[in-house]
């Protein structure tokens, strides 16, 4: 049950949930907020909502077993248009934070996904599509991984940065041993550079947790993944300050450790804004937030966390357990609030650190009767 009315009664920040119109079997939503800085640019269905200094569009990508779709809002997530099919892909990687990703610049949208003809980990390439008309139409932009089939683990991340920069990171299985690879586009997904190996030691990678990516206002790229060292499955981060030519040695995040002889299938999330790199991740049964180089702070029980930095500061979304309550925390709150009772795969986004809406998306419901919900957080 969505809890928007309860939140208003409690005096918390208002939540504005909208159920998207999606094809049957839609899963794994991701969201991007597109901030448009010039009055000359208009959406294909009319002018953007928001203030004159803060026009914005919201785009949600999701997948079915064999296709990718995007649904767009031009009134700050107040309502969404019918879904547009981006591509038919054979067999799309879905589940446990697999599924498509979306990123936005002021003039372009980029969608990436891992798909193959057979699926199920037997094949899979990291593929890209672009839209230059605010999501109304899409064109393929090719394969990102170098060796055909090497992205078949199905786990990847993508983020957009300044001046058309877009970076992808993924678990690559070239040679059958997992490694963390990445590739940079300098023209908003039009062309991709040669992939680089960020972590090539397969014994130092938890192989079933998705990586995370963030790019700051100066173009520095941060990649986070769950490492594996001496029986511990802790989060590590590497950074590039030279346009993905080289990356630093991975650095552990937080002071605690998680001894675990298994993969939790939970990779956390990153946000780079206001000169800071912020992280959220799961350790044992709890969700933690931490700034790189600082001790972690517990947010409470849960898993599948995601973070963004909105106009009022950091916002974190997670589930207490998969298929359970959906929780939201933002800067200044001592404890989270519940915004849905049955949720999976939540994600939250904004234009990091800049004015604009903060929007959450997730799967709501149980079993085969789930729906995709988007919600504007705050006014």
Protein backbone atom coordinates (compact mmCIF):
# COMPACT_ATOMS: atom_id res chain seq x y z
CA UNK A 1 0.00 0.00 0.00
CA UNK A 2 1.39 3.39 -0.95
CA UNK A 3 1.60 5.72 2.03
CA UNK A 4 1.39 9.21 0.55
CA UNK A 5 -1.64 10.23 2.63
CA UNK A 6 -0.04 8.98 5.85
CA UNK A 7 3.11 10.93 5.12
CA UNK A 8 1.12 14.12 4.65
CA UNK A 9 -0.64 13.57 7.98
CA UNK A 10 2.65 12.99 9.73
CA UNK A 11 3.97 16.26 8.36
CA UNK A 12 6.80 14.60 6.45
CA UNK A 13 7.96 15.68 3.02
CA UNK A 14 5.12 15.00 0.54
CA UNK A 15 5.36 11.97 -1.73
CA UNK A 16 3.58 12.03 -5.10
CA UNK A 17 3.28 8.41 -6.41
CA UNK A 18 2.24 7.63 -10.00
CA UNK A 19 1.74 4.13 -11.43
CA UNK A 20 3.21 3.93 -14.92
CA UNK A 21 1.40 2.36 -17.85
CA UNK A 22 3.67 -0.53 -18.79
CA UNK A 23 3.51 -3.73 -20.84
CA UNK A 24 3.02 -7.01 -19.02
CA UNK A 25 6.14 -8.26 -17.26
CA UNK A 26 7.80 -4.84 -16.87
CA UNK A 27 10.63 -4.94 -14.33
CA UNK A 28 13.81 -3.26 -13.03
CA UNK A 29 13.00 0.47 -13.38
CA UNK A 30 15.71 3.12 -13.43
CA UNK A 31 15.16 6.88 -13.59
CA UNK A 32 16.99 9.95 -14.90
CA UNK A 33 16.10 13.60 -14.36
CA UNK A 34 16.89 15.75 -17.39
CA UNK A 35 17.47 19.41 -16.60
CA UNK A 36 16.97 21.73 -19.57
CA UNK A 37 18.75 25.06 -19.30
CA UNK A 38 17.45 26.89 -22.34
CA UNK A 39 13.96 28.01 -23.33
CA UNK A 40 14.73 27.13 -26.96
CA UNK A 41 14.51 23.40 -26.22
CA UNK A 42 11.03 21.92 -25.99
CA UNK A 43 9.71 18.44 -25.36
CA UNK A 44 7.95 16.76 -28.27
CA UNK A 45 4.64 17.03 -26.42
CA UNK A 46 4.95 20.59 -25.13
CA UNK A 47 6.96 22.72 -22.77
CA UNK A 48 8.58 21.28 -19.69
CA UNK A 49 7.06 21.71 -16.27
CA UNK A 50 8.85 23.48 -13.45
CA UNK A 51 10.04 27.02 -13.06
CA UNK A 52 11.65 29.05 -15.81
CA UNK A 53 15.04 28.56 -14.17
CA UNK A 54 14.43 24.87 -13.52
CA UNK A 55 12.62 23.16 -16.41
CA UNK A 56 12.97 19.40 -16.14
CA UNK A 57 11.87 16.10 -17.64
CA UNK A 58 11.85 12.71 -15.94
CA UNK A 59 12.52 9.49 -17.84
CA UNK A 60 12.00 5.95 -16.51
CA UNK A 61 13.54 2.96 -18.30
CA UNK A 62 12.51 -0.64 -17.64
CA UNK A 63 12.56 -4.00 -19.36
CA UNK A 64 10.53 -7.07 -20.18
CA UNK A 65 12.06 -10.42 -21.07
CA UNK A 66 12.81 -9.29 -24.61
CA UNK A 67 12.40 -5.51 -24.90
CA UNK A 68 13.39 -2.16 -23.39
CA UNK A 69 10.95 0.71 -22.81
CA UNK A 70 11.08 4.32 -21.64
CA UNK A 71 8.22 6.33 -20.16
CA UNK A 72 8.67 10.10 -19.86
CA UNK A 73 7.16 12.88 -17.79
CA UNK A 74 7.28 16.54 -18.78
CA UNK A 75 5.62 17.86 -15.61
CA UNK A 76 8.21 16.87 -12.98
CA UNK A 77 6.86 13.32 -12.48
CA UNK A 78 3.30 14.51 -11.98
CA UNK A 79 2.17 12.25 -14.84
CA UNK A 80 3.81 9.95 -17.37
CA UNK A 81 3.14 9.32 -21.04
CA UNK A 82 2.65 5.89 -22.58
CA UNK A 83 5.81 3.81 -22.78
CA UNK A 84 7.93 3.98 -25.93
CA UNK A 85 9.74 0.85 -27.06
CA UNK A 86 13.47 1.53 -27.30
CA UNK A 87 14.44 -1.83 -28.77
CA UNK A 88 13.69 -5.55 -29.05
CA UNK A 89 16.75 -7.37 -27.79
CA UNK A 90 16.19 -11.13 -27.81
CA UNK A 91 16.82 -11.97 -24.15
CA UNK A 92 17.34 -9.07 -21.73
CA UNK A 93 19.34 -9.47 -18.52
CA UNK A 94 16.91 -8.85 -15.63
CA UNK A 95 16.77 -9.52 -11.90
CA UNK A 96 19.02 -8.73 -8.94
CA UNK A 97 19.87 -5.24 -10.22
CA UNK A 98 20.38 -6.36 -13.78
CA UNK A 99 18.25 -4.56 -16.34
CA UNK A 100 18.64 -1.37 -18.37
CA UNK A 101 20.18 1.91 -17.21
CA UNK A 102 19.43 5.48 -18.27
CA UNK A 103 21.41 8.73 -18.07
CA UNK A 104 20.66 12.27 -19.24
CA UNK A 105 22.45 15.37 -20.41
CA UNK A 106 20.70 18.62 -21.30
CA UNK A 107 20.31 17.53 -24.92
CA UNK A 108 20.52 13.73 -25.04
CA UNK A 109 19.31 10.58 -23.30
CA UNK A 110 21.35 7.39 -23.19
CA UNK A 111 20.04 3.89 -22.42
CA UNK A 112 22.29 0.87 -21.91
CA UNK A 113 21.38 -2.76 -21.32
CA UNK A 114 22.91 -6.22 -21.47
CA UNK A 115 21.20 -8.65 -23.82
CA UNK A 116 21.85 -11.69 -26.02
CA UNK A 117 20.04 -14.19 -28.15
CA UNK A 118 19.96 -16.97 -25.55
CA UNK A 119 20.28 -15.13 -22.23
CA UNK A 120 20.57 -16.83 -18.86
CA UNK A 121 24.28 -16.05 -18.64
CA UNK A 122 25.07 -17.96 -21.83
CA UNK A 123 25.64 -14.81 -23.88
CA UNK A 124 25.24 -11.07 -23.46
CA UNK A 125 26.64 -7.79 -24.72
CA UNK A 126 26.46 -4.29 -23.26
CA UNK A 127 24.46 -2.29 -25.82
CA UNK A 128 23.64 1.40 -26.14
CA UNK A 129 20.81 3.53 -27.58
CA UNK A 130 20.44 7.34 -27.78
CA UNK A 131 17.60 9.82 -28.01
CA UNK A 132 18.04 13.45 -29.06
CA UNK A 133 14.34 14.34 -28.92
CA UNK A 134 13.68 13.88 -25.18
CA UNK A 135 12.78 10.20 -25.42
CA UNK A 136 10.36 10.35 -28.36
CA UNK A 137 12.59 8.17 -30.59
CA UNK A 138 15.70 6.07 -30.14
CA UNK A 139 18.66 5.00 -32.28
CA UNK A 140 21.16 2.21 -31.59
CA UNK A 141 24.73 3.23 -30.75
CA UNK A 142 26.41 -0.15 -30.80
CA UNK A 143 28.18 -2.54 -28.47
CA UNK A 144 30.37 -1.22 -25.63
CA UNK A 145 32.24 -4.35 -24.44
CA UNK A 146 35.13 -5.44 -26.68
CA UNK A 147 34.69 -9.22 -26.89
CA UNK A 148 31.33 -10.55 -27.98
CA UNK A 149 29.48 -12.20 -25.11
CA UNK A 150 31.86 -11.00 -22.38
CA UNK A 151 29.16 -8.98 -20.55
CA UNK A 152 26.99 -12.08 -20.03
CA UNK A 153 27.01 -11.77 -16.22
CA UNK A 154 24.42 -9.04 -16.89
CA UNK A 155 25.62 -6.54 -14.26
CA UNK A 156 26.55 -2.97 -15.18
CA UNK A 157 26.23 0.69 -14.21
CA UNK A 158 26.15 4.00 -16.07
CA UNK A 159 26.43 7.69 -15.18
CA UNK A 160 26.49 10.97 -17.08
CA UNK A 161 28.80 13.89 -16.35
CA UNK A 162 29.67 17.32 -17.75
CA UNK A 163 30.35 18.12 -21.42
CA UNK A 164 28.68 15.01 -22.80
CA UNK A 165 30.67 12.50 -20.73
CA UNK A 166 28.99 9.14 -20.06
CA UNK A 167 30.75 6.24 -18.36
CA UNK A 168 29.77 2.57 -18.14
CA UNK A 169 31.25 -0.04 -15.82
CA UNK A 170 30.42 -3.73 -15.91
CA UNK A 171 31.50 -7.19 -14.80
CA UNK A 172 33.35 -8.61 -17.79
CA UNK A 173 33.93 -12.33 -18.33
CA UNK A 174 36.50 -12.29 -21.11
CA UNK A 175 38.47 -15.44 -20.35
CA UNK A 176 35.66 -16.63 -18.02
CA UNK A 177 37.17 -14.91 -14.97
CA UNK A 178 35.33 -11.81 -13.69
CA UNK A 179 36.93 -8.40 -13.89
CA UNK A 180 35.65 -4.84 -13.59
CA UNK A 181 35.84 -2.99 -16.90
CA UNK A 182 34.72 0.45 -17.99
CA UNK A 183 34.36 2.59 -21.09
CA UNK A 184 33.89 6.34 -21.65
CA UNK A 185 31.80 8.17 -24.22
CA UNK A 186 32.68 11.83 -24.77
CA UNK A 187 29.64 12.60 -26.93
CA UNK A 188 26.67 11.44 -24.82
CA UNK A 189 26.74 7.84 -26.00
CA UNK A 190 27.36 8.41 -29.69
CA UNK A 191 30.73 6.66 -29.68
CA UNK A 192 32.55 4.70 -26.97
CA UNK A 193 36.24 4.50 -26.21
CA UNK A 194 38.22 1.30 -25.85
CA UNK A 195 37.30 -0.46 -22.59
CA UNK A 196 39.79 -0.28 -19.74
CA UNK A 197 40.31 -2.80 -16.95
CA UNK A 198 39.63 -1.20 -13.58
CA UNK A 199 40.15 -4.35 -11.50
CA UNK A 200 41.62 -7.35 -13.26
CA UNK A 201 42.15 -9.64 -10.26
CA UNK A 202 39.16 -11.99 -10.28
CA UNK A 203 39.88 -13.11 -6.71
CA UNK A 204 39.30 -9.52 -5.53
CA UNK A 205 35.78 -9.21 -7.00
CA UNK A 206 32.46 -10.36 -5.59
CA UNK A 207 31.16 -11.63 -8.94
CA UNK A 208 27.37 -11.24 -8.57
CA UNK A 209 27.06 -7.69 -7.15
CA UNK A 210 26.51 -4.87 -9.62
CA UNK A 211 29.09 -2.06 -9.84
CA UNK A 212 28.14 1.61 -9.38
CA UNK A 213 29.38 4.74 -11.18
CA UNK A 214 29.33 8.50 -10.56
CA UNK A 215 30.93 11.44 -12.37
CA UNK A 216 31.47 14.76 -10.60
CA UNK A 217 31.25 18.30 -11.98
CA UNK A 218 34.96 18.23 -12.87
CA UNK A 219 34.63 15.01 -14.85
CA UNK A 220 36.29 12.74 -12.26
CA UNK A 221 34.91 9.20 -12.46
CA UNK A 222 34.29 7.02 -9.40
CA UNK A 223 33.53 3.30 -9.69
CA UNK A 224 32.41 1.23 -6.70
CA UNK A 225 32.02 -2.53 -6.41
CA UNK A 226 31.96 -5.21 -3.75
CA UNK A 227 35.43 -6.59 -3.25
CA UNK A 228 36.62 -9.90 -1.89
CA UNK A 229 39.63 -10.12 0.41
CA UNK A 230 40.54 -12.60 3.13
CA UNK A 231 36.99 -13.87 3.38
CA UNK A 232 35.40 -10.39 3.53
CA UNK A 233 32.91 -8.88 1.03
CA UNK A 234 33.40 -5.14 1.53
CA UNK A 235 32.81 -2.20 -0.79
CA UNK A 236 35.78 -0.61 -2.57
CA UNK A 237 36.11 2.40 -4.84
CA UNK A 238 38.52 3.43 -7.59
CA UNK A 239 38.80 6.87 -9.18
CA UNK A 240 39.97 8.34 -12.47
CA UNK A 241 40.95 11.99 -12.87
CA UNK A 242 42.22 11.66 -16.44
CA UNK A 243 39.15 10.75 -18.45
CA UNK A 244 39.19 6.99 -17.73
CA UNK A 245 42.74 6.57 -19.01
CA UNK A 246 43.90 5.28 -15.62
CA UNK A 247 42.22 4.41 -12.33
CA UNK A 248 43.55 4.52 -8.80
CA UNK A 249 44.04 1.42 -6.69
CA UNK A 250 40.78 0.34 -5.05
CA UNK A 251 40.21 1.78 -1.57
CA UNK A 252 37.93 0.13 0.99
CA UNK A 253 34.90 2.13 2.12
CA UNK A 254 34.00 2.25 5.80
CA UNK A 255 35.76 0.88 8.87
CA UNK A 256 33.76 -2.31 9.48
CA UNK A 257 33.92 -5.56 7.54
CA UNK A 258 31.58 -8.34 6.42
CA UNK A 259 32.90 -11.87 6.66
CA UNK A 260 30.81 -13.83 4.18
CA UNK A 261 31.48 -16.92 2.11
CA UNK A 262 28.79 -16.05 -0.45
CA UNK A 263 27.63 -13.24 -2.73
CA UNK A 264 24.85 -11.00 -1.32
CA UNK A 265 23.90 -9.77 -4.81
CA UNK A 266 23.72 -6.18 -3.59
CA UNK A 267 26.11 -3.57 -4.94
CA UNK A 268 25.10 -0.25 -3.39
CA UNK A 269 25.17 3.14 -5.12
CA UNK A 270 27.26 6.30 -5.55
CA UNK A 271 26.61 10.01 -5.90
CA UNK A 272 29.21 12.70 -6.64
CA UNK A 273 28.07 16.26 -5.98
CA UNK A 274 29.19 19.45 -4.27
CA UNK A 275 32.78 18.23 -4.23
CA UNK A 276 31.90 15.05 -2.31
CA UNK A 277 31.55 11.37 -3.21
CA UNK A 278 28.80 9.73 -1.17
CA UNK A 279 28.10 6.01 -0.97
CA UNK A 280 25.36 3.70 0.32
CA UNK A 281 25.65 -0.08 0.64
CA UNK A 282 24.57 -3.12 2.59
CA UNK A 283 26.62 -4.95 5.20
CA UNK A 284 24.98 -7.98 6.81
CA UNK A 285 21.37 -6.91 7.48
CA UNK A 286 21.91 -3.14 7.57
CA UNK A 287 22.25 -0.25 5.14
CA UNK A 288 25.10 2.22 5.63
CA UNK A 289 25.98 5.59 4.17
CA UNK A 290 29.54 6.90 4.04
CA UNK A 291 31.54 9.66 2.47
CA UNK A 292 34.74 8.35 0.94
CA UNK A 293 37.45 8.54 3.59
CA UNK A 294 35.02 8.81 6.52
CA UNK A 295 33.43 6.25 8.88
CA UNK A 296 30.11 4.75 7.89
CA UNK A 297 26.76 5.60 9.50
CA UNK A 298 23.96 3.03 9.82
CA UNK A 299 20.58 3.96 8.34
CA UNK A 300 18.85 0.86 9.68
CA UNK A 301 17.93 -2.63 8.56
CA UNK A 302 17.65 -3.24 4.84
CA UNK A 303 19.15 -3.93 1.42
CA UNK A 304 19.14 -2.66 -2.19
CA UNK A 305 20.01 0.98 -1.31
CA UNK A 306 20.32 3.86 -3.76
CA UNK A 307 21.43 7.48 -3.23
CA UNK A 308 21.12 10.86 -4.91
CA UNK A 309 21.95 14.40 -3.86
CA UNK A 310 18.96 16.70 -4.26
CA UNK A 311 18.62 20.44 -3.62
CA UNK A 312 18.33 19.77 0.13
CA UNK A 313 21.16 17.26 0.33
CA UNK A 314 21.52 13.46 0.23
CA UNK A 315 18.44 11.24 -0.16
CA UNK A 316 18.61 7.45 0.26
CA UNK A 317 16.03 4.83 -0.76
CA UNK A 318 16.09 1.13 0.15
CA UNK A 319 13.94 -1.86 1.09
CA UNK A 320 13.89 -3.44 4.53
CA UNK A 321 13.88 -6.76 2.70
CA UNK A 322 13.23 -7.68 -0.91
CA UNK A 323 9.49 -7.62 -1.39
CA UNK A 324 9.07 -5.71 1.87
CA UNK A 325 8.72 -2.10 3.08
CA UNK A 326 10.29 0.71 1.04
CA UNK A 327 12.16 3.27 3.15
CA UNK A 328 13.27 6.83 2.46
CA UNK A 329 15.80 8.91 4.38
CA UNK A 330 17.05 12.40 3.62
CA UNK A 331 19.47 14.81 5.26
CA UNK A 332 18.18 16.10 8.56
CA UNK A 333 16.03 13.09 9.46
CA UNK A 334 16.92 10.85 12.39
CA UNK A 335 15.01 7.87 11.02
CA UNK A 336 13.56 6.83 7.64
CA UNK A 337 9.92 6.92 6.60
CA UNK A 338 8.03 4.10 4.88
CA UNK A 339 6.51 4.95 1.49
CA UNK A 340 5.35 1.51 0.31
CA UNK A 341 4.73 -1.78 2.09
CA UNK A 342 5.79 -4.16 -0.70
CA UNK A 343 8.67 -3.12 -2.96
CA UNK A 344 11.69 -4.30 -4.93
CA UNK A 345 14.55 -2.74 -6.87
CA UNK A 346 14.20 0.91 -5.78
CA UNK A 347 16.19 3.72 -7.36
CA UNK A 348 16.26 7.47 -6.74
CA UNK A 349 17.66 10.27 -8.93
CA UNK A 350 17.98 14.01 -9.35
CA UNK A 351 20.38 16.37 -11.08
CA UNK A 352 22.98 15.84 -8.37
CA UNK A 353 23.35 18.89 -6.19
CA UNK A 354 21.38 21.18 -8.52
CA UNK A 355 17.79 22.48 -8.44
CA UNK A 356 15.23 20.09 -9.84
CA UNK A 357 12.90 17.30 -8.74
CA UNK A 358 14.03 14.27 -6.76
CA UNK A 359 12.29 11.20 -8.20
CA UNK A 360 12.12 7.62 -6.94
CA UNK A 361 11.08 4.52 -8.88
CA UNK A 362 10.48 0.94 -7.80
CA UNK A 363 8.57 -2.29 -8.38
CA UNK A 364 5.48 -2.36 -6.16
CA UNK A 365 3.42 -5.43 -5.32
CA UNK A 366 3.97 -9.15 -5.05
CA UNK A 367 4.54 -12.10 -7.37
CA UNK A 368 3.28 -11.68 -10.92
CA UNK A 369 1.16 -8.68 -10.01
CA UNK A 370 3.83 -6.03 -9.63
CA UNK A 371 3.64 -2.55 -11.12
CA UNK A 372 6.21 0.16 -11.67
CA UNK A 373 5.72 3.26 -9.55
CA UNK A 374 7.43 6.65 -9.77
CA UNK A 375 7.18 9.31 -7.10
CA UNK A 376 8.33 12.89 -6.85
CA UNK A 377 9.84 13.47 -3.42
CA UNK A 378 8.96 16.85 -1.95
CA UNK A 379 7.25 19.80 -3.62
